[in-house]
Structures are given as C-alpha cells and as structure tokens.
Amino acid sequence: MIVGNITTTSIRSLEPNATYLVGISALCEDQEQDMALDLYGRRENEMAGALRGEVASISARTLEADIKFPYFNANLTQNHSSITKAATLGPTGNYGGEGHFGLNLVGDASIENCNSSVYCCDSYDPLLGALGSCGVADSLVCQEMGESKMFERFTVLSDSLPSFQQSNFRTCGPSLRLTGSHARLRGAVWYARQMNVGEGFDTAFSFRISNPSLRCINLHGVYDRCRSRGADGFAFVIHNSSPSAVGKGGKNMGYGGINNSLAVEFDTYYNYDELEPYDNHVSIHTRGQNFPNSPNQIYSIAHTNCVPDLTDGIIHVR
C-alpha cells in the first residue's frame, strides 16, 4: 500500500480484534510528477526511480468494532475524548479526535428511565438505593424531580425512606429512548465523531417500539382486527450536517429536513399523501448532498414491506 504526503491513513481488509505487525518505509520520489490519491490518500504504484528507506515495524491491534454500545447509560452518553479537537487527528487527517466520543442526545431523546424531570446515576446499588443512597460519593440515581427541570445532586442521611420515596429510585438505561409515548415528539441521537463511510461499513442494532397508540385508523380488511400502530416510526441516518441536527416530526420521523443525509426509515404509519406503500415498511431515502431529505416515496431509492411487524417485540437489524 502506497500513500501520498499525508498525515494519517487507513489500511483496508483487516480482521477485527486481531494483532498485526506493520512495516513502514519512506519513499523519496520526484515531487513534480502527478499523484492521484483516493479518499484515504492512497495510490496505486510508486513512481519510477523512487528510493526506499529502511523498514520500521509497528505492532498494533484492531478493535472489535469501531463503534460499540453494548448498553446505554449516563456514562456512555458523555464525551470521553480529548478536550479540544486539535489534540488528535482523525483517520483521514481531519481534526476530530480519537477514542470514545459518547452520544449527542437531541430534542426529546433520552436514556431509558430518564427524561427532563429525572436525573441519573450509573453507580446505583439496589440495596442502598432502597435506603435512599447511591452507595458511591457524588453519584446520581434516577429520582423524580416533580415539575422542576433542574439537574441537582442530592444526599440522603436517613437510614430509611417512606415507601413513596423509595419507589422513585430506578436504574438508568440500558436503552436509548428517542421519544416518549406522546403526540408531536421528535428526538435524535448522534455519534459525535465523524466516520468515513465511503468504503462501506457493517452495523447492527436492536429496537423495540413500545406503548403504541390504541387509536385505530386503518383496517386491513373487512373482517380483520385493527392493530395498534406506533406513529410514525424512526430512521437510521447518516449525515454531515451538525451534531445537534434533528428533522421535522410526525411523518418526517426526525430526519425529514436534514441536508446531505441518507436515511433508512422504519415506517409504522401509513401516510397516503407521501405515496407510501404500506403502514409497515422499510425504505431508504436521500436527496443527495445539496437538498434536505424527505420521507416522500418519490425520494426512496429502495423499499420493502416484506418485514415483520415493526411494533411487535424486539426487532434485530443489520
């Protein structure tokens, strides 16, 4: 593999969670010749008459996955990377930092069991929690705050609490919740570090659409029972907009209106005005780099309704 005069690059076709011994050698070449580089600064061949330096070896181990969230809690949604972006370089030499970046929660998104009226603690001890204590100094539990939206630390010195107070202690997570079960909500969750997706990637996640609306609008046949449907669904989105991006709500499913994006939508509601094929389908939408994305079916590049009921239990996606 040969690269141009760049700071960092990526090596293709490596196995995950494996150790490699990499040899690196400098090339001295005619700088007047044209070098055609790809996205990662790589090129096909060295130039004629190039001088090779001595080989230096580096031992390195690949990650099991570039991004991995086995569960979600307050700690995993915080940024644990460098304080300033200039401290490190990203995989293509762009400033962006390395390591765990956490997640940005936007709009009505939250960690399960936590919202605008509760605050969280990852060191929750069920036994001590029943007594009103986190068990660890300066840690937090999910405790109801009533009408207040302030996030405050608290200390309980008593060895016991009334039963109505004990019921307020709950652990954080282990899931993300894009919106609660109410009308006109929208939320988004973004990984803060920009990733290169130009050469493809593999991702897997599970979701559950719970507590759907009980209102029945569309019957699937004269003698069919009316199923409870969530509205309107959600989408897995790749974009280059901003860490606080969130699209329109309702039929736009939180991605409609985001520029320079591609969305894989999991649609659970039939919007006839958007030319949708069915109330339970998966569709891929994009309007390219310069236009805001849209859930209208004319912008779908592929779709299918040969999928399980998206509102029935836990669904696994790859």
C-alpha atoms as a PDB file:
ATOM      1  CA  MET A   1       0.000   0.000   0.000  1.00  0.00           C
ATOM      2  CA  ILE A   2       1.408   3.397  -1.025  1.00  0.00           C
ATOM      3  CA  VAL A   3       0.187   6.755   0.237  1.00  0.00           C
ATOM      4  CA  GLY A   4       0.899  10.345  -0.681  1.00  0.00           C
ATOM      5  CA  ASN A   5       2.309  13.033   1.577  1.00  0.00           C
ATOM      6  CA  ILE A   6      -0.450  12.830   4.205  1.00  0.00           C
ATOM      7  CA  THR A   7      -0.593  12.653   7.994  1.00  0.00           C
ATOM      8  CA  THR A   8      -2.755   9.571   8.564  1.00  0.00           C
ATOM      9  CA  THR A   9      -4.489   6.903   6.513  1.00  0.00           C
ATOM     10  CA  SER A  10      -6.433   3.629   6.882  1.00  0.00           C
ATOM     11  CA  ILE A  11      -5.476   0.078   5.927  1.00  0.00           C
ATOM     12  CA  ARG A  12      -8.183  -1.950   4.228  1.00  0.00           C
ATOM     13  CA  SER A  13      -9.252  -5.585   4.689  1.00  0.00           C
ATOM     14  CA  LEU A  14      -8.052  -6.046   8.276  1.00  0.00           C
ATOM     15  CA  GLU A  15      -9.723  -8.585  10.554  1.00  0.00           C
ATOM     16  CA  PRO A  16     -11.371  -7.182  13.683  1.00  0.00           C
ATOM     17  CA  ASN A  17      -9.899  -7.851  17.115  1.00  0.00           C
ATOM     18  CA  ALA A  18      -6.568  -9.077  15.659  1.00  0.00           C
ATOM     19  CA  THR A  19      -2.896  -8.164  16.134  1.00  0.00           C
ATOM     20  CA  TYR A  20      -0.833  -7.069  13.123  1.00  0.00           C
ATOM     21  CA  LEU A  21       2.850  -6.350  12.546  1.00  0.00           C
ATOM     22  CA  VAL A  22       3.069  -3.453  10.093  1.00  0.00           C
ATOM     23  CA  GLY A  23       6.222  -2.495   8.221  1.00  0.00           C
ATOM     24  CA  ILE A  24       6.622   1.144   7.172  1.00  0.00           C
ATOM     25  CA  SER A  25       9.158   2.505   4.711  1.00  0.00           C
ATOM     26  CA  ALA A  26       9.620   6.060   3.421  1.00  0.00           C
ATOM     27  CA  LEU A  27       9.766   6.793  -0.311  1.00  0.00           C
ATOM     28  CA  CYS A  28      11.806   9.561  -1.890  1.00  0.00           C
ATOM     29  CA  GLU A  29      10.213  10.457  -5.235  1.00  0.00           C
ATOM     30  CA  ASP A  30      10.070  13.129  -7.895  1.00  0.00           C
ATOM     31  CA  GLN A  31       7.602  15.670  -6.497  1.00  0.00           C
ATOM     32  CA  GLU A  32       6.935  17.133  -9.927  1.00  0.00           C
ATOM     33  CA  GLN A  33       5.007  14.048 -11.025  1.00  0.00           C
ATOM     34  CA  ASP A  34       1.250  13.928 -10.607  1.00  0.00           C
ATOM     35  CA  MET A  35      -0.072  11.721  -7.760  1.00  0.00           C
ATOM     36  CA  ALA A  36      -3.731  10.640  -7.986  1.00  0.00           C
ATOM     37  CA  LEU A  37      -4.918   9.897  -4.422  1.00  0.00           C
ATOM     38  CA  ASP A  38      -8.118   8.296  -3.185  1.00  0.00           C
ATOM     39  CA  LEU A  39     -10.224   9.276  -0.161  1.00  0.00           C
ATOM     40  CA  TYR A  40      -7.578   7.958   2.260  1.00  0.00           C
ATOM     41  CA  GLY A  41      -4.556   9.417   0.452  1.00  0.00           C
ATOM     42  CA  ARG A  42      -3.649   6.086  -1.161  1.00  0.00           C
ATOM     43  CA  ARG A  43      -2.385   5.495  -4.707  1.00  0.00           C
ATOM     44  CA  GLU A  44      -1.696   2.530  -6.913  1.00  0.00           C
ATOM     45  CA  ASN A  45       2.067   2.474  -7.564  1.00  0.00           C
ATOM     46  CA  GLU A  46       5.290   4.113  -6.541  1.00  0.00           C
ATOM     47  CA  MET A  47       6.926   6.418  -9.065  1.00  0.00           C
ATOM     48  CA  ALA A  48       9.733   5.377 -11.338  1.00  0.00           C
ATOM     49  CA  GLY A  49      13.156   5.857  -9.761  1.00  0.00           C
ATOM     50  CA  ALA A  50      11.799   6.088  -6.194  1.00  0.00           C
ATOM     51  CA  LEU A  51      14.262   5.459  -3.364  1.00  0.00           C
ATOM     52  CA  ARG A  52      13.027   3.280  -0.474  1.00  0.00           C
ATOM     53  CA  GLY A  53      14.132   3.815   3.093  1.00  0.00           C
ATOM     54  CA  GLU A  54      14.695   1.172   5.756  1.00  0.00           C
ATOM     55  CA  VAL A  55      11.622  -0.660   7.058  1.00  0.00           C
ATOM     56  CA  ALA A  56      10.412   0.160  10.557  1.00  0.00           C
ATOM     57  CA  SER A  57       7.895  -2.194  12.201  1.00  0.00           C
ATOM     58  CA  ILE A  58       4.909  -1.316  14.363  1.00  0.00           C
ATOM     59  CA  SER A  59       2.747  -3.807  16.270  1.00  0.00           C
ATOM     60  CA  ALA A  60      -0.919  -2.817  16.572  1.00  0.00           C
ATOM     61  CA  ARG A  61      -4.248  -4.431  17.375  1.00  0.00           C
ATOM     62  CA  THR A  62      -7.533  -3.716  15.628  1.00  0.00           C
ATOM     63  CA  LEU A  63     -10.724  -3.012  17.554  1.00  0.00           C
ATOM     64  CA  GLU A  64     -13.588  -5.476  17.717  1.00  0.00           C
ATOM     65  CA  ALA A  65     -15.774  -2.673  16.327  1.00  0.00           C
ATOM     66  CA  ASP A  66     -15.160   0.989  15.514  1.00  0.00           C
ATOM     67  CA  ILE A  67     -18.257   1.990  17.496  1.00  0.00           C
ATOM     68  CA  LYS A  68     -19.791  -0.304  20.097  1.00  0.00           C
ATOM     69  CA  PHE A  69     -22.516   0.392  22.637  1.00  0.00           C
ATOM     70  CA  PRO A  70     -23.470  -2.840  24.445  1.00  0.00           C
ATOM     71  CA  TYR A  71     -25.882  -0.791  26.580  1.00  0.00           C
ATOM     72  CA  PHE A  72     -26.684   2.866  27.251  1.00  0.00           C
ATOM     73  CA  ASN A  73     -26.430   4.810  30.472  1.00  0.00           C
ATOM     74  CA  ALA A  74     -25.436   8.301  31.567  1.00  0.00           C
ATOM     75  CA  ASN A  75     -21.732   7.467  31.437  1.00  0.00           C
ATOM     76  CA  LEU A  76     -21.763   6.109  27.876  1.00  0.00           C
ATOM     77  CA  THR A  77     -23.527   9.181  26.529  1.00  0.00           C
ATOM     78  CA  GLN A  78     -20.777  11.525  27.723  1.00  0.00           C
ATOM     79  CA  ASN A  79     -17.773  12.618  25.663  1.00  0.00           C
ATOM     80  CA  HIS A  80     -14.599  10.964  26.984  1.00  0.00           C
ATOM     81  CA  SER A  81     -12.298  12.065  24.185  1.00  0.00           C
ATOM     82  CA  SER A  82      -9.842  14.968  24.090  1.00  0.00           C
ATOM     83  CA  ILE A  83     -10.946  18.339  25.416  1.00  0.00           C
ATOM     84  CA  THR A  84     -10.021  20.107  22.184  1.00  0.00           C
ATOM     85  CA  LYS A  85     -10.460  18.747  18.675  1.00  0.00           C
ATOM     86  CA  ALA A  86      -6.942  19.853  17.778  1.00  0.00           C
ATOM     87  CA  ALA A  87      -5.414  17.400  20.275  1.00  0.00           C
ATOM     88  CA  THR A  88      -5.551  14.465  17.858  1.00  0.00           C
ATOM     89  CA  LEU A  89      -6.154  13.708  14.210  1.00  0.00           C
ATOM     90  CA  GLY A  90      -8.922  11.610  12.737  1.00  0.00           C
ATOM     91  CA  PRO A  91      -8.429   8.702  10.306  1.00  0.00           C
ATOM     92  CA  THR A  92      -8.110  10.948   7.249  1.00  0.00           C
ATOM     93  CA  GLY A  93      -6.027  13.665   8.849  1.00  0.00           C
ATOM     94  CA  ASN A  94      -9.009  15.850   9.712  1.00  0.00           C
ATOM     95  CA  TYR A  95      -9.251  17.279  13.189  1.00  0.00           C
ATOM     96  CA  GLY A  96     -11.838  15.313  15.074  1.00  0.00           C
ATOM     97  CA  GLY A  97     -10.205  13.405  17.902  1.00  0.00           C
ATOM     98  CA  GLU A  98      -9.957   9.698  18.603  1.00  0.00           C
ATOM     99  CA  GLY A  99     -11.400   7.313  21.141  1.00  0.00           C
ATOM    100  CA  HIS A 100     -14.857   7.152  22.709  1.00  0.00           C
ATOM    101  CA  PHE A 101     -16.926  10.201  21.858  1.00  0.00           C
ATOM    102  CA  GLY A 102     -20.181   9.251  23.509  1.00  0.00           C
ATOM    103  CA  LEU A 103     -23.504  10.327  22.013  1.00  0.00           C
ATOM    104  CA  ASN A 104     -25.348  13.592  21.493  1.00  0.00           C
ATOM    105  CA  LEU A 105     -28.979  13.439  22.588  1.00  0.00           C
ATOM    106  CA  VAL A 106     -31.148  15.985  20.759  1.00  0.00           C
ATOM    107  CA  GLY A 107     -34.762  17.035  21.201  1.00  0.00           C
ATOM    108  CA  ASP A 108     -36.952  14.574  23.106  1.00  0.00           C
ATOM    109  CA  ALA A 109     -34.358  11.768  23.114  1.00  0.00           C
ATOM    110  CA  SER A 110     -33.284  10.415  26.483  1.00  0.00           C
ATOM    111  CA  ILE A 111     -31.812   7.454  28.289  1.00  0.00           C
ATOM    112  CA  GLU A 112     -34.443   4.921  29.321  1.00  0.00           C
ATOM    113  CA  ASN A 113     -35.960   5.814  32.706  1.00  0.00           C
ATOM    114  CA  CYS A 114     -34.534   9.352  32.482  1.00  0.00           C
ATOM    115  CA  ASN A 115     -36.096  12.456  30.993  1.00  0.00           C
ATOM    116  CA  SER A 116     -36.410  16.157  31.688  1.00  0.00           C
ATOM    117  CA  SER A 117     -37.774  15.502  35.167  1.00  0.00           C
ATOM    118  CA  VAL A 118     -35.300  12.881  36.406  1.00  0.00           C
ATOM    119  CA  TYR A 119     -31.557  12.604  36.720  1.00  0.00           C
ATOM    120  CA  CYS A 120     -29.274   9.568  36.560  1.00  0.00           C
ATOM    121  CA  CYS A 121     -26.633   7.619  38.413  1.00  0.00           C
ATOM    122  CA  ASP A 122     -24.608   4.730  36.941  1.00  0.00           C
ATOM    123  CA  SER A 123     -23.346   3.530  40.340  1.00  0.00           C
ATOM    124  CA  TYR A 124     -26.803   2.582  41.534  1.00  0.00           C
ATOM    125  CA  ASP A 125     -26.885  -0.051  44.259  1.00  0.00           C
ATOM    126  CA  PRO A 126     -30.356  -1.627  44.634  1.00  0.00           C
ATOM    127  CA  LEU A 127     -29.840  -2.349  48.332  1.00  0.00           C
ATOM    128  CA  LEU A 128     -28.503   1.061  49.243  1.00  0.00           C
ATOM    129  CA  GLY A 129     -30.888   2.672  46.792  1.00  0.00           C
ATOM    130  CA  ALA A 130     -33.836   1.376  48.777  1.00  0.00           C
ATOM    131  CA  LEU A 131     -32.389   3.338  51.693  1.00  0.00           C
ATOM    132  CA  GLY A 132     -32.051   6.449  49.592  1.00  0.00           C
ATOM    133  CA  SER A 133     -28.325   6.309  48.861  1.00  0.00           C
ATOM    134  CA  CYS A 134     -26.292   5.810  45.689  1.00  0.00           C
ATOM    135  CA  GLY A 135     -23.633   3.983  47.652  1.00  0.00           C
ATOM    136  CA  VAL A 136     -20.867   5.977  45.969  1.00  0.00           C
ATOM    137  CA  ALA A 137     -19.953   9.573  46.703  1.00  0.00           C
ATOM    138  CA  ASP A 138     -21.008  12.148  44.111  1.00  0.00           C
ATOM    139  CA  SER A 139     -23.005   9.647  42.066  1.00  0.00           C
ATOM    140  CA  LEU A 140     -26.572  10.087  40.962  1.00  0.00           C
ATOM    141  CA  VAL A 141     -29.700   7.965  40.738  1.00  0.00           C
ATOM    142  CA  CYS A 142     -32.832   8.417  38.705  1.00  0.00           C
ATOM    143  CA  GLN A 143     -35.057  10.337  41.079  1.00  0.00           C
ATOM    144  CA  GLU A 144     -38.236  12.176  40.211  1.00  0.00           C
ATOM    145  CA  MET A 145     -37.915  15.968  40.375  1.00  0.00           C
ATOM    146  CA  GLY A 146     -41.620  16.802  40.145  1.00  0.00           C
ATOM    147  CA  GLU A 147     -42.230  19.861  37.963  1.00  0.00           C
ATOM    148  CA  SER A 148     -38.616  21.022  38.255  1.00  0.00           C
ATOM    149  CA  LYS A 149     -36.337  20.582  35.251  1.00  0.00           C
ATOM    150  CA  MET A 150     -33.129  21.244  37.181  1.00  0.00           C
ATOM    151  CA  PHE A 151     -30.492  18.514  37.494  1.00  0.00           C
ATOM    152  CA  GLU A 152     -29.108  18.553  41.041  1.00  0.00           C
ATOM    153  CA  ARG A 153     -27.031  16.299  43.269  1.00  0.00           C
ATOM    154  CA  PHE A 154     -28.649  15.090  46.444  1.00  0.00           C
ATOM    155  CA  THR A 155     -27.623  13.414  49.700  1.00  0.00           C
ATOM    156  CA  VAL A 156     -29.875  11.390  51.985  1.00  0.00           C
ATOM    157  CA  LEU A 157     -28.572  10.983  55.529  1.00  0.00           C
ATOM    158  CA  SER A 158     -31.506   8.998  56.859  1.00  0.00           C
ATOM    159  CA  ASP A 159     -31.260   5.201  57.050  1.00  0.00           C
ATOM    160  CA  SER A 160     -34.780   4.761  55.733  1.00  0.00           C
ATOM    161  CA  LEU A 161     -37.239   6.446  53.421  1.00  0.00           C
ATOM    162  CA  PRO A 162     -41.022   6.397  53.198  1.00  0.00           C
ATOM    163  CA  SER A 163     -42.333   3.901  50.638  1.00  0.00           C
ATOM    164  CA  PHE A 164     -43.495   6.627  48.241  1.00  0.00           C
ATOM    165  CA  GLN A 165     -39.926   7.973  48.093  1.00  0.00           C
ATOM    166  CA  GLN A 166     -38.369   4.538  47.681  1.00  0.00           C
ATOM    167  CA  SER A 167     -40.376   3.950  44.503  1.00  0.00           C
ATOM    168  CA  ASN A 168     -38.667   6.906  42.835  1.00  0.00           C
ATOM    169  CA  PHE A 169     -35.250   5.214  42.656  1.00  0.00           C
ATOM    170  CA  ARG A 170     -34.635   3.492  39.327  1.00  0.00           C
ATOM    171  CA  THR A 171     -31.545   2.480  37.424  1.00  0.00           C
ATOM    172  CA  CYS A 172     -30.558   4.263  34.220  1.00  0.00           C
ATOM    173  CA  GLY A 173     -30.834   2.554  30.863  1.00  0.00           C
ATOM    174  CA  PRO A 174     -29.947   0.138  29.448  1.00  0.00           C
ATOM    175  CA  SER A 175     -31.619   1.562  26.321  1.00  0.00           C
ATOM    176  CA  LEU A 176     -31.978   4.827  24.449  1.00  0.00           C
ATOM    177  CA  ARG A 177     -35.443   6.250  24.057  1.00  0.00           C
ATOM    178  CA  LEU A 178     -35.960   8.502  21.043  1.00  0.00           C
ATOM    179  CA  THR A 179     -39.341   9.788  22.227  1.00  0.00           C
ATOM    180  CA  GLY A 180     -41.888   9.017  24.870  1.00  0.00           C
ATOM    181  CA  SER A 181     -45.372   7.749  24.071  1.00  0.00           C
ATOM    182  CA  HIS A 182     -46.935  11.143  23.427  1.00  0.00           C
ATOM    183  CA  ALA A 183     -48.012  13.117  20.385  1.00  0.00           C
ATOM    184  CA  ARG A 184     -45.803  15.592  18.497  1.00  0.00           C
ATOM    185  CA  LEU A 185     -42.439  14.491  19.913  1.00  0.00           C
ATOM    186  CA  ARG A 186     -39.185  14.127  17.978  1.00  0.00           C
ATOM    187  CA  GLY A 187     -35.704  13.170  19.034  1.00  0.00           C
ATOM    188  CA  ALA A 188     -32.311  12.230  17.600  1.00  0.00           C
ATOM    189  CA  VAL A 189     -29.133  10.575  18.876  1.00  0.00           C
ATOM    190  CA  TRP A 190     -25.817  11.131  17.048  1.00  0.00           C
ATOM    191  CA  TYR A 191     -22.348   9.677  17.443  1.00  0.00           C
ATOM    192  CA  ALA A 192     -20.155  12.755  17.849  1.00  0.00           C
ATOM    193  CA  ARG A 193     -17.090  11.639  15.888  1.00  0.00           C
ATOM    194  CA  GLN A 194     -17.395  11.841  12.110  1.00  0.00           C
ATOM    195  CA  MET A 195     -16.723   8.491  10.429  1.00  0.00           C
ATOM    196  CA  ASN A 196     -15.650   7.677   6.880  1.00  0.00           C
ATOM    197  CA  VAL A 197     -18.370   5.567   5.274  1.00  0.00           C
ATOM    198  CA  GLY A 198     -17.215   5.855   1.666  1.00  0.00           C
ATOM    199  CA  GLU A 199     -15.872   2.294   1.538  1.00  0.00           C
ATOM    200  CA  GLY A 200     -18.835   0.693   3.258  1.00  0.00           C
ATOM    201  CA  PHE A 201     -19.498  -0.442   6.809  1.00  0.00           C
ATOM    202  CA  ASP A 202     -21.389  -3.011   8.826  1.00  0.00           C
ATOM    203  CA  THR A 203     -23.695  -2.133  11.709  1.00  0.00           C
ATOM    204  CA  ALA A 204     -26.225  -3.986  13.847  1.00  0.00           C
ATOM    205  CA  PHE A 205     -28.735  -2.838  16.452  1.00  0.00           C
ATOM    206  CA  SER A 206     -31.993  -3.851  18.096  1.00  0.00           C
ATOM    207  CA  PHE A 207     -35.067  -1.732  18.723  1.00  0.00           C
ATOM    208  CA  ARG A 208     -38.465  -2.003  20.347  1.00  0.00           C
ATOM    209  CA  ILE A 209     -41.435   0.249  19.640  1.00  0.00           C
ATOM    210  CA  SER A 210     -43.433   0.004  22.834  1.00  0.00           C
ATOM    211  CA  ASN A 211     -46.609   1.523  24.253  1.00  0.00           C
ATOM    212  CA  PRO A 212     -48.103   2.375  20.818  1.00  0.00           C
ATOM    213  CA  SER A 213     -51.236   4.383  20.265  1.00  0.00           C
ATOM    214  CA  LEU A 214     -54.521   2.487  20.769  1.00  0.00           C
ATOM    215  CA  ARG A 215     -56.316   4.610  18.193  1.00  0.00           C
ATOM    216  CA  CYS A 216     -57.468   2.596  15.183  1.00  0.00           C
ATOM    217  CA  ILE A 217     -57.477   4.359  11.809  1.00  0.00           C
ATOM    218  CA  ASN A 218     -56.731   1.848   9.046  1.00  0.00           C
ATOM    219  CA  LEU A 219     -58.400  -1.545   8.766  1.00  0.00           C
ATOM    220  CA  HIS A 220     -56.524  -4.129   6.676  1.00  0.00           C
ATOM    221  CA  GLY A 221     -59.690  -5.945   5.642  1.00  0.00           C
ATOM    222  CA  VAL A 222     -63.408  -6.088   6.347  1.00  0.00           C
ATOM    223  CA  TYR A 223     -63.058  -8.871   8.910  1.00  0.00           C
ATOM    224  CA  ASP A 224     -59.557  -8.026  10.172  1.00  0.00           C
ATOM    225  CA  ARG A 225     -58.990  -6.745  13.644  1.00  0.00           C
ATOM    226  CA  CYS A 226     -57.419  -3.328  13.898  1.00  0.00           C
ATOM    227  CA  ARG A 227     -53.818  -3.445  15.048  1.00  0.00           C
ATOM    228  CA  SER A 228     -52.288  -0.903  17.427  1.00  0.00           C
ATOM    229  CA  ARG A 229     -49.735   1.119  15.466  1.00  0.00           C
ATOM    230  CA  GLY A 230     -46.998   3.454  16.589  1.00  0.00           C
ATOM    231  CA  ALA A 231     -46.611   6.746  14.764  1.00  0.00           C
ATOM    232  CA  ASP A 232     -44.759   7.494  12.731  1.00  0.00           C
ATOM    233  CA  GLY A 233     -41.605   5.388  13.165  1.00  0.00           C
ATOM    234  CA  PHE A 234     -37.894   6.228  13.237  1.00  0.00           C
ATOM    235  CA  ALA A 235     -34.842   6.153  10.972  1.00  0.00           C
ATOM    236  CA  PHE A 236     -31.160   5.169  10.991  1.00  0.00           C
ATOM    237  CA  VAL A 237     -29.491   8.246   9.473  1.00  0.00           C
ATOM    238  CA  ILE A 238     -26.035   9.068   8.085  1.00  0.00           C
ATOM    239  CA  HIS A 239     -25.485  12.799   7.633  1.00  0.00           C
ATOM    240  CA  ASN A 240     -22.881  15.541   7.505  1.00  0.00           C
ATOM    241  CA  SER A 241     -24.985  18.337   8.938  1.00  0.00           C
ATOM    242  CA  SER A 242     -24.313  19.109  12.627  1.00  0.00           C
ATOM    243  CA  PRO A 243     -24.115  17.239  15.979  1.00  0.00           C
ATOM    244  CA  SER A 244     -27.399  18.873  17.013  1.00  0.00           C
ATOM    245  CA  ALA A 245     -29.333  18.085  13.826  1.00  0.00           C
ATOM    246  CA  VAL A 246     -32.924  16.975  14.158  1.00  0.00           C
ATOM    247  CA  GLY A 247     -35.519  16.836  11.411  1.00  0.00           C
ATOM    248  CA  LYS A 248     -39.215  17.520  11.455  1.00  0.00           C
ATOM    249  CA  GLY A 249     -41.596  15.383  13.499  1.00  0.00           C
ATOM    250  CA  GLY A 250     -44.636  13.323  12.551  1.00  0.00           C
ATOM    251  CA  LYS A 251     -44.390  11.735   9.118  1.00  0.00           C
ATOM    252  CA  ASN A 252     -40.849  13.152   8.772  1.00  0.00           C
ATOM    253  CA  MET A 253     -39.697  10.803  11.570  1.00  0.00           C
ATOM    254  CA  GLY A 254     -36.992  13.151  12.811  1.00  0.00           C
ATOM    255  CA  TYR A 255     -34.906  13.086   9.602  1.00  0.00           C
ATOM    256  CA  GLY A 256     -37.016  14.982   7.062  1.00  0.00           C
ATOM    257  CA  GLY A 257     -35.321  18.334   6.509  1.00  0.00           C
ATOM    258  CA  ILE A 258     -31.726  17.264   7.301  1.00  0.00           C
ATOM    259  CA  ASN A 259     -29.362  18.223   4.480  1.00  0.00           C
ATOM    260  CA  ASN A 260     -26.723  15.907   2.998  1.00  0.00           C
ATOM    261  CA  SER A 261     -28.172  12.769   4.557  1.00  0.00           C
ATOM    262  CA  LEU A 262     -29.222   9.204   3.844  1.00  0.00           C
ATOM    263  CA  ALA A 263     -31.941   7.617   5.973  1.00  0.00           C
ATOM    264  CA  VAL A 264     -33.080   4.028   6.399  1.00  0.00           C
ATOM    265  CA  GLU A 265     -36.578   4.579   7.739  1.00  0.00           C
ATOM    266  CA  PHE A 266     -38.627   2.082   9.731  1.00  0.00           C
ATOM    267  CA  ASP A 267     -42.107   3.344   8.984  1.00  0.00           C
ATOM    268  CA  THR A 268     -45.029   2.191  11.130  1.00  0.00           C
ATOM    269  CA  TYR A 269     -47.760   4.533   9.893  1.00  0.00           C
ATOM    270  CA  TYR A 270     -49.455   4.927   6.514  1.00  0.00           C
ATOM    271  CA  ASN A 271     -49.300   8.452   5.096  1.00  0.00           C
ATOM    272  CA  TYR A 272     -51.172   8.332   1.785  1.00  0.00           C
ATOM    273  CA  ASP A 273     -50.089  11.882   0.876  1.00  0.00           C
ATOM    274  CA  GLU A 274     -46.447  10.725   0.893  1.00  0.00           C
ATOM    275  CA  LEU A 275     -47.247   7.898  -1.556  1.00  0.00           C
ATOM    276  CA  GLU A 276     -46.156   5.296   0.986  1.00  0.00           C
ATOM    277  CA  PRO A 277     -46.676   1.633   0.039  1.00  0.00           C
ATOM    278  CA  TYR A 278     -47.913   0.339   3.397  1.00  0.00           C
ATOM    279  CA  ASP A 279     -48.052   1.242   7.088  1.00  0.00           C
ATOM    280  CA  ASN A 280     -45.292  -1.271   7.933  1.00  0.00           C
ATOM    281  CA  HIS A 281     -42.258  -0.921   5.657  1.00  0.00           C
ATOM    282  CA  VAL A 282     -38.530  -0.147   5.448  1.00  0.00           C
ATOM    283  CA  SER A 283     -37.328   2.422   2.926  1.00  0.00           C
ATOM    284  CA  ILE A 284     -34.041   4.200   2.065  1.00  0.00           C
ATOM    285  CA  HIS A 285     -34.325   7.934   1.358  1.00  0.00           C
ATOM    286  CA  THR A 286     -31.896  10.584   0.152  1.00  0.00           C
ATOM    287  CA  ARG A 287     -31.960  13.766  -1.895  1.00  0.00           C
ATOM    288  CA  GLY A 288     -28.212  13.995  -2.313  1.00  0.00           C
ATOM    289  CA  GLN A 289     -25.738  16.470  -0.934  1.00  0.00           C
ATOM    290  CA  ASN A 290     -27.455  19.795  -1.518  1.00  0.00           C
ATOM    291  CA  PHE A 291     -31.092  19.166  -0.609  1.00  0.00           C
ATOM    292  CA  PRO A 292     -32.922  18.410   2.661  1.00  0.00           C
ATOM    293  CA  ASN A 293     -34.043  14.807   2.978  1.00  0.00           C
ATOM    294  CA  SER A 294     -37.712  13.910   2.666  1.00  0.00           C
ATOM    295  CA  PRO A 295     -39.929  10.919   3.597  1.00  0.00           C
ATOM    296  CA  ASN A 296     -41.880  11.259   0.354  1.00  0.00           C
ATOM    297  CA  GLN A 297     -41.715   7.976  -1.529  1.00  0.00           C
ATOM    298  CA  ILE A 298     -40.501   9.646  -4.732  1.00  0.00           C
ATOM    299  CA  TYR A 299     -37.127  10.087  -2.960  1.00  0.00           C
ATOM    300  CA  SER A 300     -36.876   6.428  -1.986  1.00  0.00           C
ATOM    301  CA  ILE A 301     -34.053   4.526  -3.701  1.00  0.00           C
ATOM    302  CA  ALA A 302     -35.268   1.166  -2.344  1.00  0.00           C
ATOM    303  CA  HIS A 303     -38.069  -0.107  -0.124  1.00  0.00           C
ATOM    304  CA  THR A 304     -39.795  -3.277   1.036  1.00  0.00           C
ATOM    305  CA  ASN A 305     -42.825  -4.229   3.088  1.00  0.00           C
ATOM    306  CA  CYS A 306     -41.638  -7.855   3.439  1.00  0.00           C
ATOM    307  CA  VAL A 307     -40.644  -7.232   7.045  1.00  0.00           C
ATOM    308  CA  PRO A 308     -42.020  -8.337  10.436  1.00  0.00           C
ATOM    309  CA  ASP A 309     -44.467  -6.145  12.299  1.00  0.00           C
ATOM    310  CA  LEU A 310     -42.154  -3.329  13.432  1.00  0.00           C
ATOM    311  CA  THR A 311     -44.295  -2.677  16.523  1.00  0.00           C
ATOM    312  CA  ASP A 312     -44.256  -6.292  17.731  1.00  0.00           C
ATOM    313  CA  GLY A 313     -41.497  -7.005  20.256  1.00  0.00           C
ATOM    314  CA  ILE A 314     -37.752  -6.615  19.757  1.00  0.00           C
ATOM    315  CA  ILE A 315     -36.563  -6.293  16.139  1.00  0.00           C
ATOM    316  CA  HIS A 316     -32.933  -7.008  15.178  1.00  0.00           C
ATOM    317  CA  VAL A 317     -31.418  -5.018  12.300  1.00  0.00           C
ATOM    318  CA  ARG A 318     -28.169  -5.404  10.366  1.00  0.00           C
END
